[in-house]
Amino acid sequence: MRKGLVWTLAILLVLGVGGWFGDNWLRGYAQDQAVKAAGSYLGDGDATVTLGGTPFFPSLFTRSVPSAHIEVAALPLEISGKKVKLTDVVADTGTVALGTSEVTVASMTGSATLSYADVSTIAEVPITYAKDGRLQLSYTRDVFGNQVSFAVSALPKLDVDEQVVRLTDPKLDLNGTTLDLAFTQDQLDSIVEPIKLTLDHDLRLTRIVPEEGGIAIGVDGTNLRLPIS
C-alpha cells in the first residue's frame, strides 16, 4: 500500500509540473498572438503583452482574461485629428474580452511620453521645453510690415474635464528681454489658444508633466472597444 501511495504522489507531481508548464506555454502563445492581433494599432513598435489569470487555460473557454500589462516602445495615435506617436507606453488593464469583431477592455490606466515635435504638430505652434516645467511657444507676427519674432513661456495646466492644456503664468521673451504678462486666464486663452488634446479610442488624459525629453502623460479609459482588423 505504501508503494502505491508513493506512485500516486509521483504521478500527481508529474501531472502538476506538466500542467504548470502546459499552462504557461498556453499563456506565452496567447501573448504572442495578442501582439500580432494588435499589429494594426501598434505599427512597427516593439511590444510585449503579459496576460493575467491563474490558471490560464480557462481563458480559452471564456475568451477573456482578468488583466493585462502592456509595454510598447512607440505607439501611433491620433490626437485632436493629428497623427503622432507616443513612446515608452506602459498600460495596465482590467478584464479584456475577445468578441467576434472587437476587443473590449473594461478599464485601462497608462503612461507615455509625447514629444515636443508632436505637441507642436497638434498645437500648430513651435513648442519646446523652457525650464522649471514651463513650455516655450514661438511666434512670428507682422507688425507694421515687419516680421517680429517673440516667444511666450508658460506653465501648462491640464483641464481634465475639457481635455485641454491651458497656459498659465505667461512670460514674454522679446529679443532676449523677459517680461511678465499680467493677463487673466480668459485674456491669455484668446491670445495663446489652449491646446486641445483629444485621444483616440475614448481614452482621456489624466496628467501632464513637461520634462526635457518630452511631456510625460497619464491616460485612462473605461469600456474601451477596439475593432479587430
Protein backbone atom coordinates (compact mmCIF):
# COMPACT_ATOMS: atom_id res chain seq x y z
CA MET A 1 0.00 0.00 0.00
CA ARG A 2 2.88 2.31 0.82
CA LYS A 3 4.35 1.63 -2.63
CA GLY A 4 1.01 2.52 -4.25
CA LEU A 5 0.87 5.78 -2.32
CA VAL A 6 4.38 6.70 -3.48
CA TRP A 7 3.42 6.02 -7.11
CA THR A 8 0.25 8.07 -6.74
CA LEU A 9 2.19 11.04 -5.36
CA ALA A 10 4.77 10.70 -8.14
CA ILE A 11 2.05 10.72 -10.82
CA LEU A 12 0.36 13.77 -9.26
CA LEU A 13 3.71 15.55 -9.15
CA VAL A 14 4.38 14.82 -12.82
CA LEU A 15 0.90 15.93 -13.83
CA GLY A 16 1.17 19.03 -11.71
CA VAL A 17 4.53 20.07 -13.15
CA GLY A 18 3.41 19.20 -16.67
CA GLY A 19 0.22 21.17 -16.17
CA TRP A 20 2.21 24.18 -14.96
CA PHE A 21 4.47 24.09 -18.00
CA GLY A 22 1.48 23.50 -20.26
CA ASP A 23 -0.47 26.38 -18.75
CA ASN A 24 2.49 28.72 -19.12
CA TRP A 25 3.03 27.60 -22.72
CA LEU A 26 -0.61 28.46 -23.45
CA ARG A 27 -0.16 31.86 -21.81
CA GLY A 28 3.01 32.56 -23.82
CA TYR A 29 1.33 31.51 -27.07
CA ALA A 30 -1.71 33.68 -26.34
CA GLN A 31 0.53 36.65 -25.51
CA ASP A 32 2.38 36.29 -28.82
CA GLN A 33 -0.92 36.10 -30.70
CA ALA A 34 -2.20 39.18 -28.84
CA VAL A 35 0.79 41.20 -30.04
CA LYS A 36 0.22 40.01 -33.63
CA ALA A 37 -3.51 40.78 -33.47
CA ALA A 38 -2.77 44.29 -32.20
CA GLY A 39 -0.36 44.94 -35.06
CA SER A 40 -2.64 47.43 -36.79
CA TYR A 41 -2.67 49.55 -33.63
CA LEU A 42 0.98 49.13 -32.68
CA GLY A 43 2.55 49.92 -36.05
CA ASP A 44 6.13 48.72 -36.15
CA GLY A 45 6.86 49.38 -32.47
CA ASP A 46 8.27 46.65 -30.25
CA ALA A 47 5.64 45.47 -27.80
CA THR A 48 5.15 42.97 -25.00
CA VAL A 49 1.86 41.77 -23.54
CA THR A 50 1.53 39.93 -20.24
CA LEU A 51 -1.87 38.31 -19.72
CA GLY A 52 -3.25 37.69 -16.25
CA GLY A 53 -5.22 34.77 -14.90
CA THR A 54 -4.05 31.77 -12.88
CA PRO A 55 -4.50 29.13 -14.11
CA PHE A 56 -4.61 30.46 -17.64
CA PHE A 57 -6.35 27.65 -19.57
CA PRO A 58 -9.93 28.68 -18.56
CA SER A 59 -9.38 31.81 -20.67
CA LEU A 60 -9.52 29.58 -23.76
CA PHE A 61 -13.17 28.91 -22.96
CA THR A 62 -14.20 32.30 -21.55
CA ARG A 63 -12.28 34.22 -24.27
CA SER A 64 -11.31 36.76 -21.62
CA VAL A 65 -8.54 37.49 -19.13
CA PRO A 66 -8.90 39.37 -15.84
CA SER A 67 -6.00 41.72 -16.56
CA ALA A 68 -3.18 42.56 -18.94
CA HIS A 69 0.07 44.51 -18.76
CA ILE A 70 1.24 46.14 -21.99
CA GLU A 71 4.51 47.84 -22.90
CA VAL A 72 5.03 49.47 -26.30
CA ALA A 73 8.15 51.29 -27.45
CA ALA A 74 6.30 53.53 -29.91
CA LEU A 75 2.54 53.71 -30.43
CA PRO A 76 0.98 55.56 -33.42
CA LEU A 77 -2.06 57.53 -32.35
CA GLU A 78 -4.32 60.37 -33.43
CA ILE A 79 -4.61 63.28 -31.02
CA SER A 80 -7.03 66.04 -31.98
CA GLY A 81 -7.01 64.71 -35.54
CA LYS A 82 -3.20 64.84 -35.87
CA LYS A 83 -1.12 61.71 -36.38
CA VAL A 84 1.52 61.50 -33.66
CA LYS A 85 3.46 58.80 -31.85
CA LEU A 86 3.61 58.07 -28.13
CA THR A 87 6.79 56.48 -26.79
CA ASP A 88 7.57 54.41 -23.68
CA VAL A 89 3.95 53.36 -23.35
CA VAL A 90 3.08 51.29 -20.27
CA ALA A 91 -0.52 50.27 -19.56
CA ASP A 92 -2.46 48.02 -17.20
CA THR A 93 -5.99 46.87 -17.87
CA GLY A 94 -8.93 45.31 -16.17
CA THR A 95 -10.84 42.49 -17.87
CA VAL A 96 -10.06 42.07 -21.56
CA ALA A 97 -12.70 40.14 -23.56
CA LEU A 98 -12.39 38.90 -27.13
CA GLY A 99 -15.54 39.14 -29.24
CA THR A 100 -16.21 38.18 -32.84
CA SER A 101 -15.37 41.61 -34.24
CA GLU A 102 -13.87 43.62 -31.37
CA VAL A 103 -11.89 43.51 -28.15
CA THR A 104 -13.49 45.04 -25.07
CA VAL A 105 -11.31 46.45 -22.29
CA ALA A 106 -13.16 47.13 -19.04
CA SER A 107 -10.63 49.66 -17.78
CA MET A 108 -7.14 50.90 -18.52
CA THR A 109 -4.57 53.19 -16.94
CA GLY A 110 -1.28 54.03 -18.55
CA SER A 111 1.62 56.39 -19.05
CA ALA A 112 3.65 57.52 -22.06
CA THR A 113 5.80 60.32 -23.44
CA LEU A 114 4.68 62.82 -26.09
CA SER A 115 7.48 64.58 -27.95
CA TYR A 116 7.59 68.35 -28.29
CA ALA A 117 7.67 67.94 -32.06
CA ASP A 118 4.31 66.15 -31.86
CA VAL A 119 2.92 68.69 -29.39
CA SER A 120 3.91 71.38 -31.89
CA THR A 121 2.08 69.49 -34.64
CA ILE A 122 -1.07 69.31 -32.52
CA ALA A 123 -0.95 72.97 -31.43
CA GLU A 124 0.27 74.21 -34.83
CA VAL A 125 2.81 76.35 -32.98
CA PRO A 126 6.52 75.55 -32.38
CA ILE A 127 6.79 74.36 -28.77
CA THR A 128 9.93 73.47 -26.83
CA TYR A 129 10.83 72.87 -23.21
CA ALA A 130 11.85 76.01 -21.35
CA LYS A 131 12.79 75.13 -17.77
CA ASP A 132 11.18 74.54 -14.40
CA GLY A 133 8.30 72.68 -16.05
CA ARG A 134 7.49 75.51 -18.46
CA LEU A 135 6.75 75.37 -22.17
CA GLN A 136 8.01 77.89 -24.71
CA LEU A 137 5.80 78.77 -27.67
CA SER A 138 7.40 80.67 -30.56
CA TYR A 139 5.52 83.12 -32.76
CA THR A 140 6.23 85.35 -35.75
CA ARG A 141 3.86 88.24 -36.38
CA ASP A 142 3.71 91.01 -38.95
CA VAL A 143 3.92 94.40 -37.22
CA PHE A 144 3.75 97.49 -39.46
CA GLY A 145 5.14 95.48 -42.36
CA ASN A 146 7.97 93.94 -40.32
CA GLN A 147 8.24 90.33 -39.16
CA VAL A 148 8.64 90.27 -35.38
CA SER A 149 9.60 87.05 -33.62
CA PHE A 150 8.84 86.52 -29.97
CA ALA A 151 8.35 83.66 -27.54
CA VAL A 152 5.95 83.11 -24.67
CA SER A 153 6.83 80.71 -21.89
CA ALA A 154 4.09 79.44 -19.63
CA LEU A 155 3.19 76.75 -17.16
CA PRO A 156 0.82 74.18 -18.71
CA LYS A 157 -2.21 73.15 -16.69
CA LEU A 158 -4.37 70.23 -17.78
CA ASP A 159 -8.13 70.71 -17.67
CA VAL A 160 -9.17 67.07 -17.33
CA ASP A 161 -12.88 67.71 -17.91
CA GLU A 162 -12.33 69.71 -21.11
CA GLN A 163 -9.25 67.72 -22.19
CA VAL A 164 -7.30 70.87 -22.98
CA VAL A 165 -3.98 72.24 -21.74
CA ARG A 166 -4.29 75.83 -20.58
CA LEU A 167 -1.21 78.03 -20.31
CA THR A 168 -0.71 79.97 -17.08
CA ASP A 169 1.84 82.43 -15.65
CA PRO A 170 2.95 83.70 -19.08
CA LYS A 171 6.28 85.44 -19.64
CA LEU A 172 7.16 87.23 -22.86
CA ASP A 173 10.66 86.89 -24.33
CA LEU A 174 11.15 89.73 -26.78
CA ASN A 175 14.64 89.83 -28.27
CA GLY A 176 16.15 88.33 -25.13
CA THR A 177 14.20 90.52 -22.69
CA THR A 178 11.80 88.64 -20.40
CA LEU A 179 8.61 90.41 -19.35
CA ASP A 180 5.83 89.21 -17.07
CA LEU A 181 2.41 89.42 -18.72
CA ALA A 182 -0.46 90.43 -16.46
CA PHE A 183 -3.32 88.69 -18.25
CA THR A 184 -6.41 86.99 -16.91
CA GLN A 185 -6.83 83.37 -18.00
CA ASP A 186 -9.59 84.36 -20.44
CA GLN A 187 -7.39 87.05 -21.98
CA LEU A 188 -4.48 84.65 -22.23
CA ASP A 189 -6.69 81.97 -23.82
CA SER A 190 -7.70 84.46 -26.51
CA ILE A 191 -4.04 85.21 -27.31
CA VAL A 192 -2.43 81.82 -26.76
CA GLU A 193 -5.08 79.21 -27.50
CA PRO A 194 -5.39 76.25 -25.14
CA ILE A 195 -4.01 73.06 -26.63
CA LYS A 196 -6.80 70.59 -27.35
CA LEU A 197 -5.71 67.00 -26.72
CA THR A 198 -8.45 64.58 -27.76
CA LEU A 199 -7.24 60.97 -27.81
CA ASP A 200 -8.41 58.01 -29.88
CA HIS A 201 -10.50 55.11 -28.58
CA ASP A 202 -12.26 57.11 -25.81
CA LEU A 203 -9.06 57.45 -23.83
CA ARG A 204 -8.51 60.63 -21.84
CA LEU A 205 -5.55 62.47 -20.37
CA THR A 206 -5.23 62.47 -16.59
CA ARG A 207 -1.91 64.28 -16.10
CA ILE A 208 0.89 66.07 -17.95
CA VAL A 209 4.43 66.70 -16.72
CA PRO A 210 6.78 68.66 -19.02
CA GLU A 211 10.30 67.24 -18.98
CA GLU A 212 13.38 67.86 -21.13
CA GLY A 213 12.79 64.74 -23.22
CA GLY A 214 9.09 65.33 -23.81
CA ILE A 215 5.81 65.62 -21.95
CA ALA A 216 5.08 62.69 -19.64
CA ILE A 217 1.37 61.96 -19.79
CA GLY A 218 -1.07 59.79 -17.91
CA VAL A 219 -4.14 58.29 -19.57
CA ASP A 220 -7.11 56.22 -18.56
CA GLY A 221 -10.28 54.83 -20.06
CA THR A 222 -13.24 52.54 -19.36
CA ASN A 223 -15.30 50.24 -21.55
CA LEU A 224 -12.92 50.61 -24.46
CA ARG A 225 -13.84 48.86 -27.71
CA LEU A 226 -11.19 48.13 -30.32
CA PRO A 227 -12.30 46.66 -33.66
CA ILE A 228 -10.44 43.56 -34.81
CA SER A 229 -8.99 44.26 -38.25
